Amino acid sequence: MSIDIPDKIFFKIGEVAEITELEPHVLRYWESEFGLIKPDKSEAGQRVYRRKDIETICEIKKLLYEERFSIEGAKKRLFKKYKISDNSERVLDTIKELKRDLLEISSMLNKGK
């Protein structure tokens, strides 16, 4: 499955849905199931996906829809491929949360100048 991803840095959920031919609710569900999909949030609170997120979504779609893996089977396959353990996934989640918090603090400090 080869998908043409536009040459952009950031994508909104509607754009990702169109590119991947998936409904937005499916994307949101996969975010909750697969730790590899972690879009950032814009200042307005919208999901902001990167090219890597879209590539991962395409990989998950292939595992689920073409290769007929279950959600758990697809998770195991991806974790094995990327050598991610449950602990390292939690660490990545924590790092992303810290990054968001630091960016928010930085934004607040810059507004005060």
PDB file of N, CA and C in Angstrom:
ATOM      1  N   MET A   1       0.851  -1.171   0.000  1.00  0.00           N
ATOM      2  CA  MET A   1       0.000   0.000   0.000  1.00  0.00           C
ATOM      3  C   MET A   1       0.895   1.230   0.000  1.00  0.00           C
ATOM      4  N   SER A   2       0.812   1.991  -1.063  1.00  0.00           N
ATOM      5  CA  SER A   2       1.610   3.202  -1.173  1.00  0.00           C
ATOM      6  C   SER A   2       0.672   4.405  -1.181  1.00  0.00           C
ATOM      7  N   ILE A   3       0.879   5.290  -0.211  1.00  0.00           N
ATOM      8  CA  ILE A   3       0.032   6.471  -0.092  1.00  0.00           C
ATOM      9  C   ILE A   3       0.886   7.693  -0.359  1.00  0.00           C
ATOM     10  N   ASP A   4       0.337   8.613  -1.121  1.00  0.00           N
ATOM     11  CA  ASP A   4       1.034   9.853  -1.432  1.00  0.00           C
ATOM     12  C   ASP A   4       0.764  10.851  -0.314  1.00  0.00           C
ATOM     13  N   ILE A   5       1.785  11.131   0.492  1.00  0.00           N
ATOM     14  CA  ILE A   5       1.662  12.071   1.597  1.00  0.00           C
ATOM     15  C   ILE A   5       2.190  13.417   1.112  1.00  0.00           C
ATOM     16  N   PRO A   6       1.348  14.458   1.176  1.00  0.00           N
ATOM     17  CA  PRO A   6       1.809  15.789   0.734  1.00  0.00           C
ATOM     18  C   PRO A   6       3.065  16.221   1.481  1.00  0.00           C
ATOM     19  N   ASP A   7       3.836  17.076   0.829  1.00  0.00           N
ATOM     20  CA  ASP A   7       5.096  17.558   1.395  1.00  0.00           C
ATOM     21  C   ASP A   7       4.818  18.710   2.365  1.00  0.00           C
ATOM     22  N   LYS A   8       4.373  18.356   3.561  1.00  0.00           N
ATOM     23  CA  LYS A   8       4.071  19.320   4.614  1.00  0.00           C
ATOM     24  C   LYS A   8       4.677  18.809   5.913  1.00  0.00           C
ATOM     25  N   ILE A   9       4.763  19.682   6.893  1.00  0.00           N
ATOM     26  CA  ILE A   9       5.291  19.270   8.198  1.00  0.00           C
ATOM     27  C   ILE A   9       4.167  18.805   9.109  1.00  0.00           C
ATOM     28  N   PHE A  10       3.068  19.553   9.126  1.00  0.00           N
ATOM     29  CA  PHE A  10       1.964  19.254  10.034  1.00  0.00           C
ATOM     30  C   PHE A  10       0.678  18.997   9.267  1.00  0.00           C
ATOM     31  N   PHE A  11      -0.168  18.126   9.842  1.00  0.00           N
ATOM     32  CA  PHE A  11      -1.443  17.766   9.230  1.00  0.00           C
ATOM     33  C   PHE A  11      -2.525  17.754  10.308  1.00  0.00           C
ATOM     34  N   LYS A  12      -3.701  18.268   9.971  1.00  0.00           N
ATOM     35  CA  LYS A  12      -4.851  18.193  10.877  1.00  0.00           C
ATOM     36  C   LYS A  12      -5.512  16.843  10.706  1.00  0.00           C
ATOM     37  N   ILE A  13      -6.351  16.470  11.665  1.00  0.00           N
ATOM     38  CA  ILE A  13      -6.960  15.141  11.655  1.00  0.00           C
ATOM     39  C   ILE A  13      -7.795  14.903  10.391  1.00  0.00           C
ATOM     40  N   GLY A  14      -8.469  15.942   9.897  1.00  0.00           N
ATOM     41  CA  GLY A  14      -9.257  15.787   8.670  1.00  0.00           C
ATOM     42  C   GLY A  14      -8.388  15.460   7.465  1.00  0.00           C
ATOM     43  N   GLU A  15      -7.222  16.084   7.414  1.00  0.00           N
ATOM     44  CA  GLU A  15      -6.287  15.810   6.320  1.00  0.00           C
ATOM     45  C   GLU A  15      -5.760  14.385   6.414  1.00  0.00           C
ATOM     46  N   VAL A  16      -5.444  13.952   7.628  1.00  0.00           N
ATOM     47  CA  VAL A  16      -4.937  12.595   7.825  1.00  0.00           C
ATOM     48  C   VAL A  16      -6.020  11.581   7.467  1.00  0.00           C
ATOM     49  N   ALA A  17      -7.252  11.871   7.848  1.00  0.00           N
ATOM     50  CA  ALA A  17      -8.372  10.984   7.519  1.00  0.00           C
ATOM     51  C   ALA A  17      -8.513  10.837   5.999  1.00  0.00           C
ATOM     52  N   GLU A  18      -8.376  11.944   5.298  1.00  0.00           N
ATOM     53  CA  GLU A  18      -8.490  11.921   3.836  1.00  0.00           C
ATOM     54  C   GLU A  18      -7.322  11.155   3.207  1.00  0.00           C
ATOM     55  N   ILE A  19      -6.114  11.427   3.673  1.00  0.00           N
ATOM     56  CA  ILE A  19      -4.921  10.779   3.125  1.00  0.00           C
ATOM     57  C   ILE A  19      -4.971   9.267   3.340  1.00  0.00           C
ATOM     58  N   THR A  20      -5.362   8.848   4.545  1.00  0.00           N
ATOM     59  CA  THR A  20      -5.333   7.426   4.903  1.00  0.00           C
ATOM     60  C   THR A  20      -6.633   6.691   4.588  1.00  0.00           C
ATOM     61  N   GLU A  21      -7.652   7.461   4.188  1.00  0.00           N
ATOM     62  CA  GLU A  21      -8.978   6.901   3.913  1.00  0.00           C
ATOM     63  C   GLU A  21      -9.544   6.200   5.142  1.00  0.00           C
ATOM     64  N   LEU A  22      -9.384   6.853   6.284  1.00  0.00           N
ATOM     65  CA  LEU A  22      -9.929   6.365   7.556  1.00  0.00           C
ATOM     66  C   LEU A  22     -10.780   7.469   8.171  1.00  0.00           C
ATOM     67  N   GLU A  23     -11.758   7.084   8.953  1.00  0.00           N
ATOM     68  CA  GLU A  23     -12.590   8.064   9.645  1.00  0.00           C
ATOM     69  C   GLU A  23     -11.822   8.652  10.829  1.00  0.00           C
ATOM     70  N   PRO A  24     -12.077   9.914  11.162  1.00  0.00           N
ATOM     71  CA  PRO A  24     -11.390  10.530  12.308  1.00  0.00           C
ATOM     72  C   PRO A  24     -11.564   9.746  13.618  1.00  0.00           C
ATOM     73  N   HIS A  25     -12.751   9.148  13.827  1.00  0.00           N
ATOM     74  CA  HIS A  25     -12.930   8.385  15.071  1.00  0.00           C
ATOM     75  C   HIS A  25     -12.025   7.157  15.117  1.00  0.00           C
ATOM     76  N   VAL A  26     -11.710   6.597  13.957  1.00  0.00           N
ATOM     77  CA  VAL A  26     -10.783   5.458  13.900  1.00  0.00           C
ATOM     78  C   VAL A  26      -9.381   5.931  14.287  1.00  0.00           C
ATOM     79  N   LEU A  27      -8.982   7.080  13.777  1.00  0.00           N
ATOM     80  CA  LEU A  27      -7.668   7.632  14.108  1.00  0.00           C
ATOM     81  C   LEU A  27      -7.562   7.901  15.608  1.00  0.00           C
ATOM     82  N   ARG A  28      -8.614   8.491  16.188  1.00  0.00           N
ATOM     83  CA  ARG A  28      -8.595   8.775  17.628  1.00  0.00           C
ATOM     84  C   ARG A  28      -8.534   7.479  18.437  1.00  0.00           C
ATOM     85  N   TYR A  29      -9.259   6.454  17.993  1.00  0.00           N
ATOM     86  CA  TYR A  29      -9.226   5.163  18.684  1.00  0.00           C
ATOM     87  C   TYR A  29      -7.833   4.545  18.600  1.00  0.00           C
ATOM     88  N   TRP A  30      -7.237   4.582  17.425  1.00  0.00           N
ATOM     89  CA  TRP A  30      -5.896   4.014  17.273  1.00  0.00           C
ATOM     90  C   TRP A  30      -4.879   4.753  18.133  1.00  0.00           C
ATOM     91  N   GLU A  31      -5.060   6.055  18.308  1.00  0.00           N
ATOM     92  CA  GLU A  31      -4.178   6.815  19.204  1.00  0.00           C
ATOM     93  C   GLU A  31      -4.224   6.226  20.610  1.00  0.00           C
ATOM     94  N   SER A  32      -5.428   5.854  21.044  1.00  0.00           N
ATOM     95  CA  SER A  32      -5.579   5.323  22.398  1.00  0.00           C
ATOM     96  C   SER A  32      -5.026   3.899  22.514  1.00  0.00           C
ATOM     97  N   GLU A  33      -4.970   3.183  21.419  1.00  0.00           N
ATOM     98  CA  GLU A  33      -4.510   1.792  21.439  1.00  0.00           C
ATOM     99  C   GLU A  33      -3.022   1.631  21.126  1.00  0.00           C
ATOM    100  N   PHE A  34      -2.514   2.463  20.244  1.00  0.00           N
ATOM    101  CA  PHE A  34      -1.129   2.333  19.789  1.00  0.00           C
ATOM    102  C   PHE A  34      -0.322   3.534  20.274  1.00  0.00           C
ATOM    103  N   GLY A  35       0.631   3.290  21.155  1.00  0.00           N
ATOM    104  CA  GLY A  35       1.449   4.359  21.698  1.00  0.00           C
ATOM    105  C   GLY A  35       2.353   5.016  20.672  1.00  0.00           C
ATOM    106  N   LEU A  36       2.472   4.414  19.511  1.00  0.00           N
ATOM    107  CA  LEU A  36       3.335   4.981  18.471  1.00  0.00           C
ATOM    108  C   LEU A  36       2.700   6.185  17.786  1.00  0.00           C
ATOM    109  N   ILE A  37       1.388   6.332  17.908  1.00  0.00           N
ATOM    110  CA  ILE A  37       0.697   7.475  17.305  1.00  0.00           C
ATOM    111  C   ILE A  37       0.422   8.471  18.422  1.00  0.00           C
ATOM    112  N   LYS A  38       1.150   9.541  18.419  1.00  0.00           N
ATOM    113  CA  LYS A  38       0.997  10.567  19.453  1.00  0.00           C
ATOM    114  C   LYS A  38       1.065  11.947  18.821  1.00  0.00           C
ATOM    115  N   PRO A  39      -0.033  12.388  18.207  1.00  0.00           N
ATOM    116  CA  PRO A  39       0.024  13.730  17.624  1.00  0.00           C
ATOM    117  C   PRO A  39       0.142  14.776  18.725  1.00  0.00           C
ATOM    118  N   ASP A  40       0.829  15.859  18.401  1.00  0.00           N
ATOM    119  CA  ASP A  40       0.900  16.981  19.324  1.00  0.00           C
ATOM    120  C   ASP A  40      -0.429  17.716  19.263  1.00  0.00           C
ATOM    121  N   LYS A  41      -0.594  18.659  20.171  1.00  0.00           N
ATOM    122  CA  LYS A  41      -1.796  19.505  20.157  1.00  0.00           C
ATOM    123  C   LYS A  41      -1.369  20.925  19.814  1.00  0.00           C
ATOM    124  N   SER A  42      -2.159  21.571  18.968  1.00  0.00           N
ATOM    125  CA  SER A  42      -1.882  22.968  18.640  1.00  0.00           C
ATOM    126  C   SER A  42      -2.318  23.834  19.817  1.00  0.00           C
ATOM    127  N   GLU A  43      -2.021  25.118  19.744  1.00  0.00           N
ATOM    128  CA  GLU A  43      -2.446  26.027  20.808  1.00  0.00           C
ATOM    129  C   GLU A  43      -3.967  26.045  20.930  1.00  0.00           C
ATOM    130  N   ALA A  44      -4.652  25.759  19.834  1.00  0.00           N
ATOM    131  CA  ALA A  44      -6.118  25.721  19.839  1.00  0.00           C
ATOM    132  C   ALA A  44      -6.645  24.367  20.315  1.00  0.00           C
ATOM    133  N   GLY A  45      -5.738  23.431  20.620  1.00  0.00           N
ATOM    134  CA  GLY A  45      -6.144  22.117  21.114  1.00  0.00           C
ATOM    135  C   GLY A  45      -6.429  21.089  20.030  1.00  0.00           C
ATOM    136  N   GLN A  46      -6.143  21.428  18.768  1.00  0.00           N
ATOM    137  CA  GLN A  46      -6.358  20.476  17.680  1.00  0.00           C
ATOM    138  C   GLN A  46      -5.183  19.512  17.576  1.00  0.00           C
ATOM    139  N   ARG A  47      -5.485  18.288  17.154  1.00  0.00           N
ATOM    140  CA  ARG A  47      -4.430  17.310  16.927  1.00  0.00           C
ATOM    141  C   ARG A  47      -3.590  17.765  15.734  1.00  0.00           C
ATOM    142  N   VAL A  48      -2.273  17.623  15.889  1.00  0.00           N
ATOM    143  CA  VAL A  48      -1.347  17.985  14.817  1.00  0.00           C
ATOM    144  C   VAL A  48      -0.444  16.777  14.573  1.00  0.00           C
ATOM    145  N   TYR A  49      -0.660  16.145  13.425  1.00  0.00           N
ATOM    146  CA  TYR A  49       0.094  14.949  13.060  1.00  0.00           C
ATOM    147  C   TYR A  49       1.309  15.339  12.232  1.00  0.00           C
ATOM    148  N   ARG A  50       2.323  14.496  12.303  1.00  0.00           N
ATOM    149  CA  ARG A  50       3.518  14.651  11.474  1.00  0.00           C
ATOM    150  C   ARG A  50       3.551  13.500  10.468  1.00  0.00           C
ATOM    151  N   ARG A  51       4.435  13.634   9.499  1.00  0.00           N
ATOM    152  CA  ARG A  51       4.577  12.595   8.468  1.00  0.00           C
ATOM    153  C   ARG A  51       4.796  11.208   9.094  1.00  0.00           C
ATOM    154  N   LYS A  52       5.632  11.140  10.132  1.00  0.00           N
ATOM    155  CA  LYS A  52       5.912   9.854  10.782  1.00  0.00           C
ATOM    156  C   LYS A  52       4.626   9.236  11.343  1.00  0.00           C
ATOM    157  N   ASP A  53       3.748  10.080  11.913  1.00  0.00           N
ATOM    158  CA  ASP A  53       2.470   9.575  12.420  1.00  0.00           C
ATOM    159  C   ASP A  53       1.647   8.963  11.290  1.00  0.00           C
ATOM    160  N   ILE A  54       1.617   9.637  10.151  1.00  0.00           N
ATOM    161  CA  ILE A  54       0.836   9.138   9.013  1.00  0.00           C
ATOM    162  C   ILE A  54       1.422   7.827   8.499  1.00  0.00           C
ATOM    163  N   GLU A  55       2.738   7.742   8.440  1.00  0.00           N
ATOM    164  CA  GLU A  55       3.377   6.497   8.006  1.00  0.00           C
ATOM    165  C   GLU A  55       3.037   5.359   8.967  1.00  0.00           C
ATOM    166  N   THR A  56       3.035   5.639  10.260  1.00  0.00           N
ATOM    167  CA  THR A  56       2.691   4.627  11.260  1.00  0.00           C
ATOM    168  C   THR A  56       1.232   4.206  11.108  1.00  0.00           C
ATOM    169  N   ILE A  57       0.351   5.174  10.887  1.00  0.00           N
ATOM    170  CA  ILE A  57      -1.068   4.872  10.684  1.00  0.00           C
ATOM    171  C   ILE A  57      -1.248   3.960   9.479  1.00  0.00           C
ATOM    172  N   CYS A  58      -0.522   4.244   8.406  1.00  0.00           N
ATOM    173  CA  CYS A  58      -0.593   3.401   7.207  1.00  0.00           C
ATOM    174  C   CYS A  58      -0.110   1.981   7.506  1.00  0.00           C
ATOM    175  N   GLU A  59       0.929   1.891   8.312  1.00  0.00           N
ATOM    176  CA  GLU A  59       1.452   0.574   8.686  1.00  0.00           C
ATOM    177  C   GLU A  59       0.425  -0.197   9.517  1.00  0.00           C
ATOM    178  N   ILE A  60      -0.217   0.487  10.447  1.00  0.00           N
ATOM    179  CA  ILE A  60      -1.251  -0.147  11.277  1.00  0.00           C
ATOM    180  C   ILE A  60      -2.433  -0.572  10.412  1.00  0.00           C
ATOM    181  N   LYS A  61      -2.824   0.296   9.501  1.00  0.00           N
ATOM    182  CA  LYS A  61      -3.944  -0.017   8.595  1.00  0.00           C
ATOM    183  C   LYS A  61      -3.640  -1.276   7.794  1.00  0.00           C
ATOM    184  N   LYS A  62      -2.416  -1.375   7.310  1.00  0.00           N
ATOM    185  CA  LYS A  62      -2.018  -2.560   6.536  1.00  0.00           C
ATOM    186  C   LYS A  62      -2.088  -3.821   7.402  1.00  0.00           C
ATOM    187  N   LEU A  63      -1.562  -3.730   8.629  1.00  0.00           N
ATOM    188  CA  LEU A  63      -1.588  -4.893   9.519  1.00  0.00           C
ATOM    189  C   LEU A  63      -3.025  -5.323   9.828  1.00  0.00           C
ATOM    190  N   LEU A  64      -3.890  -4.364  10.094  1.00  0.00           N
ATOM    191  CA  LEU A  64      -5.258  -4.688  10.485  1.00  0.00           C
ATOM    192  C   LEU A  64      -6.142  -5.078   9.306  1.00  0.00           C
ATOM    193  N   TYR A  65      -6.077  -4.329   8.227  1.00  0.00           N
ATOM    194  CA  TYR A  65      -7.024  -4.517   7.131  1.00  0.00           C
ATOM    195  C   TYR A  65      -6.551  -5.491   6.056  1.00  0.00           C
ATOM    196  N   GLU A  66      -5.249  -5.498   5.775  1.00  0.00           N
ATOM    197  CA  GLU A  66      -4.743  -6.382   4.722  1.00  0.00           C
ATOM    198  C   GLU A  66      -4.227  -7.703   5.280  1.00  0.00           C
ATOM    199  N   GLU A  67      -3.439  -7.614   6.366  1.00  0.00           N
ATOM    200  CA  GLU A  67      -2.854  -8.835   6.920  1.00  0.00           C
ATOM    201  C   GLU A  67      -3.753  -9.473   7.982  1.00  0.00           C
ATOM    202  N   ARG A  68      -4.862  -8.793   8.312  1.00  0.00           N
ATOM    203  CA  ARG A  68      -5.911  -9.322   9.185  1.00  0.00           C
ATOM    204  C   ARG A  68      -5.447  -9.606  10.619  1.00  0.00           C
ATOM    205  N   PHE A  69      -4.505  -8.797  11.118  1.00  0.00           N
ATOM    206  CA  PHE A  69      -4.084  -8.915  12.511  1.00  0.00           C
ATOM    207  C   PHE A  69      -5.178  -8.364  13.411  1.00  0.00           C
ATOM    208  N   SER A  70      -5.229  -8.864  14.642  1.00  0.00           N
ATOM    209  CA  SER A  70      -6.069  -8.242  15.660  1.00  0.00           C
ATOM    210  C   SER A  70      -5.334  -7.004  16.161  1.00  0.00           C
ATOM    211  N   ILE A  71      -6.004  -6.172  16.949  1.00  0.00           N
ATOM    212  CA  ILE A  71      -5.349  -4.993  17.530  1.00  0.00           C
ATOM    213  C   ILE A  71      -4.143  -5.450  18.356  1.00  0.00           C
ATOM    214  N   GLU A  72      -4.340  -6.442  19.205  1.00  0.00           N
ATOM    215  CA  GLU A  72      -3.241  -6.938  20.053  1.00  0.00           C
ATOM    216  C   GLU A  72      -2.101  -7.501  19.219  1.00  0.00           C
ATOM    217  N   GLY A  73      -2.441  -8.235  18.167  1.00  0.00           N
ATOM    218  CA  GLY A  73      -1.410  -8.796  17.292  1.00  0.00           C
ATOM    219  C   GLY A  73      -0.616  -7.707  16.584  1.00  0.00           C
ATOM    220  N   ALA A  74      -1.318  -6.679  16.129  1.00  0.00           N
ATOM    221  CA  ALA A  74      -0.641  -5.559  15.457  1.00  0.00           C
ATOM    222  C   ALA A  74       0.269  -4.828  16.437  1.00  0.00           C
ATOM    223  N   LYS A  75      -0.199  -4.641  17.683  1.00  0.00           N
ATOM    224  CA  LYS A  75       0.636  -3.992  18.704  1.00  0.00           C
ATOM    225  C   LYS A  75       1.925  -4.780  18.911  1.00  0.00           C
ATOM    226  N   LYS A  76       1.783  -6.093  19.078  1.00  0.00           N
ATOM    227  CA  LYS A  76       2.964  -6.939  19.307  1.00  0.00           C
ATOM    228  C   LYS A  76       3.933  -6.850  18.137  1.00  0.00           C
ATOM    229  N   ARG A  77       3.397  -6.880  16.926  1.00  0.00           N
ATOM    230  CA  ARG A  77       4.239  -6.815  15.733  1.00  0.00           C
ATOM    231  C   ARG A  77       5.003  -5.490  15.686  1.00  0.00           C
ATOM    232  N   LEU A  78       4.302  -4.391  15.959  1.00  0.00           N
ATOM    233  CA  LEU A  78       4.942  -3.075  15.920  1.00  0.00           C
ATOM    234  C   LEU A  78       5.951  -2.912  17.051  1.00  0.00           C
ATOM    235  N   PHE A  79       5.593  -3.361  18.252  1.00  0.00           N
ATOM    236  CA  PHE A  79       6.513  -3.242  19.383  1.00  0.00           C
ATOM    237  C   PHE A  79       7.780  -4.041  19.120  1.00  0.00           C
ATOM    238  N   LYS A  80       7.605  -5.213  18.515  1.00  0.00           N
ATOM    239  CA  LYS A  80       8.765  -6.042  18.191  1.00  0.00           C
ATOM    240  C   LYS A  80       9.617  -5.355  17.120  1.00  0.00           C
ATOM    241  N   LYS A  81       8.963  -4.812  16.103  1.00  0.00           N
ATOM    242  CA  LYS A  81       9.676  -4.144  15.004  1.00  0.00           C
ATOM    243  C   LYS A  81      10.474  -2.955  15.517  1.00  0.00           C
ATOM    244  N   TYR A  82       9.853  -2.155  16.377  1.00  0.00           N
ATOM    245  CA  TYR A  82      10.510  -0.953  16.877  1.00  0.00           C
ATOM    246  C   TYR A  82      11.206  -1.179  18.213  1.00  0.00           C
ATOM    247  N   LYS A  83      11.240  -2.439  18.650  1.00  0.00           N
ATOM    248  CA  LYS A  83      11.902  -2.822  19.903  1.00  0.00           C
ATOM    249  C   LYS A  83      11.414  -1.964  21.071  1.00  0.00           C
ATOM    250  N   ILE A  84      10.091  -1.876  21.177  1.00  0.00           N
ATOM    251  CA  ILE A  84       9.479  -1.090  22.239  1.00  0.00           C
ATOM    252  C   ILE A  84       8.853  -2.046  23.249  1.00  0.00           C
ATOM    253  N   SER A  85       9.162  -1.837  24.490  1.00  0.00           N
ATOM    254  CA  SER A  85       8.517  -2.604  25.551  1.00  0.00           C
ATOM    255  C   SER A  85       7.420  -1.734  26.142  1.00  0.00           C
ATOM    256  N   ASP A  86       6.572  -2.314  26.965  1.00  0.00           N
ATOM    257  CA  ASP A  86       5.525  -1.531  27.629  1.00  0.00           C
ATOM    258  C   ASP A  86       6.139  -0.395  28.433  1.00  0.00           C
ATOM    259  N   ASN A  87       7.270  -0.660  29.089  1.00  0.00           N
ATOM    260  CA  ASN A  87       7.918   0.379  29.896  1.00  0.00           C
ATOM    261  C   ASN A  87       8.443   1.509  29.027  1.00  0.00           C
ATOM    262  N   SER A  88       9.074   1.176  27.917  1.00  0.00           N
ATOM    263  CA  SER A  88       9.627   2.240  27.076  1.00  0.00           C
ATOM    264  C   SER A  88       8.507   3.058  26.449  1.00  0.00           C
ATOM    265  N   GLU A  89       7.358   2.442  26.199  1.00  0.00           N
ATOM    266  CA  GLU A  89       6.223   3.194  25.677  1.00  0.00           C
ATOM    267  C   GLU A  89       5.754   4.214  26.721  1.00  0.00           C
ATOM    268  N   ARG A  90       5.708   3.802  27.975  1.00  0.00           N
ATOM    269  CA  ARG A  90       5.313   4.724  29.050  1.00  0.00           C
ATOM    270  C   ARG A  90       6.336   5.856  29.186  1.00  0.00           C
ATOM    271  N   VAL A  91       7.607   5.528  29.048  1.00  0.00           N
ATOM    272  CA  VAL A  91       8.651   6.555  29.125  1.00  0.00           C
ATOM    273  C   VAL A  91       8.481   7.563  27.988  1.00  0.00           C
ATOM    274  N   LEU A  92       8.208   7.062  26.773  1.00  0.00           N
ATOM    275  CA  LEU A  92       7.992   7.958  25.631  1.00  0.00           C
ATOM    276  C   LEU A  92       6.780   8.859  25.868  1.00  0.00           C
ATOM    277  N   ASP A  93       5.719   8.300  26.417  1.00  0.00           N
ATOM    278  CA  ASP A  93       4.531   9.100  26.728  1.00  0.00           C
ATOM    279  C   ASP A  93       4.868  10.207  27.718  1.00  0.00           C
ATOM    280  N   THR A  94       5.630   9.870  28.740  1.00  0.00           N
ATOM    281  CA  THR A  94       6.012  10.852  29.764  1.00  0.00           C
ATOM    282  C   THR A  94       6.872  11.952  29.153  1.00  0.00           C
ATOM    283  N   ILE A  95       7.808  11.587  28.300  1.00  0.00           N
ATOM    284  CA  ILE A  95       8.673  12.571  27.649  1.00  0.00           C
ATOM    285  C   ILE A  95       7.838  13.517  26.781  1.00  0.00           C
ATOM    286  N   LYS A  96       6.879  12.973  26.036  1.00  0.00           N
ATOM    287  CA  LYS A  96       6.035  13.823  25.194  1.00  0.00           C
ATOM    288  C   LYS A  96       5.195  14.773  26.047  1.00  0.00           C
ATOM    289  N   GLU A  97       4.679  14.288  27.171  1.00  0.00           N
ATOM    290  CA  GLU A  97       3.910  15.155  28.069  1.00  0.00           C
ATOM    291  C   GLU A  97       4.795  16.273  28.623  1.00  0.00           C
ATOM    292  N   LEU A  98       6.017  15.920  29.016  1.00  0.00           N
ATOM    293  CA  LEU A  98       6.941  16.929  29.519  1.00  0.00           C
ATOM    294  C   LEU A  98       7.267  17.965  28.448  1.00  0.00           C
ATOM    295  N   LYS A  99       7.455  17.507  27.231  1.00  0.00           N
ATOM    296  CA  LYS A  99       7.752  18.420  26.123  1.00  0.00           C
ATOM    297  C   LYS A  99       6.604  19.399  25.926  1.00  0.00           C
ATOM    298  N   ARG A 100       5.356  18.880  25.934  1.00  0.00           N
ATOM    299  CA  ARG A 100       4.190  19.764  25.782  1.00  0.00           C
ATOM    300  C   ARG A 100       4.137  20.783  26.907  1.00  0.00           C
ATOM    301  N   ASP A 101       4.380  20.320  28.134  1.00  0.00           N
ATOM    302  CA  ASP A 101       4.353  21.224  29.290  1.00  0.00           C
ATOM    303  C   ASP A 101       5.419  22.311  29.162  1.00  0.00           C
ATOM    304  N   LEU A 102       6.627  21.918  28.755  1.00  0.00           N
ATOM    305  CA  LEU A 102       7.707  22.894  28.598  1.00  0.00           C
ATOM    306  C   LEU A 102       7.400  23.908  27.501  1.00  0.00           C
ATOM    307  N   LEU A 103       6.811  23.436  26.400  1.00  0.00           N
ATOM    308  CA  LEU A 103       6.439  24.353  25.324  1.00  0.00           C
ATOM    309  C   LEU A 103       5.357  25.328  25.784  1.00  0.00           C
ATOM    310  N   GLU A 104       4.428  24.823  26.575  1.00  0.00           N
ATOM    311  CA  GLU A 104       3.374  25.679  27.104  1.00  0.00           C
ATOM    312  C   GLU A 104       3.957  26.737  28.058  1.00  0.00           C
ATOM    313  N   ILE A 105       4.855  26.323  28.921  1.00  0.00           N
ATOM    314  CA  ILE A 105       5.520  27.254  29.851  1.00  0.00           C
ATOM    315  C   ILE A 105       6.310  28.301  29.060  1.00  0.00           C
ATOM    316  N   SER A 106       7.052  27.852  28.065  1.00  0.00           N
ATOM    317  CA  SER A 106       7.832  28.756  27.238  1.00  0.00           C
ATOM    318  C   SER A 106       6.931  29.778  26.546  1.00  0.00           C
ATOM    319  N   SER A 107       5.805  29.316  26.051  1.00  0.00           N
ATOM    320  CA  SER A 107       4.846  30.202  25.391  1.00  0.00           C
ATOM    321  C   SER A 107       4.310  31.247  26.372  1.00  0.00           C
ATOM    322  N   MET A 108       4.007  30.808  27.579  1.00  0.00           N
ATOM    323  CA  MET A 108       3.503  31.748  28.592  1.00  0.00           C
ATOM    324  C   MET A 108       4.576  32.791  28.952  1.00  0.00           C
ATOM    325  N   LEU A 109       5.817  32.342  29.076  1.00  0.00           N
ATOM    326  CA  LEU A 109       6.911  33.263  29.406  1.00  0.00           C
ATOM    327  C   LEU A 109       7.142  34.275  28.283  1.00  0.00           C
ATOM    328  N   ASN A 110       7.027  33.823  27.040  1.00  0.00           N
ATOM    329  CA  ASN A 110       7.237  34.719  25.898  1.00  0.00           C
ATOM    330  C   ASN A 110       6.128  35.755  25.772  1.00  0.00           C
ATOM    331  N   LYS A 111       4.922  35.403  26.206  1.00  0.00           N
ATOM    332  CA  LYS A 111       3.801  36.357  26.155  1.00  0.00           C
ATOM    333  C   LYS A 111       3.991  37.475  27.188  1.00  0.00           C
ATOM    334  N   GLY A 112       4.697  37.154  28.251  1.00  0.00           N
ATOM    335  CA  GLY A 112       4.923  38.134  29.309  1.00  0.00           C
ATOM    336  C   GLY A 112       5.963  39.184  28.969  1.00  0.00           C
ATOM    337  N   LYS A 113       6.701  38.992  27.910  1.00  0.00           N
ATOM    338  CA  LYS A 113       7.769  39.932  27.531  1.00  0.00           C
ATOM    339  C   LYS A 113       7.240  41.135  26.807  1.00  0.00           C
TER     340      LYS A 113
END
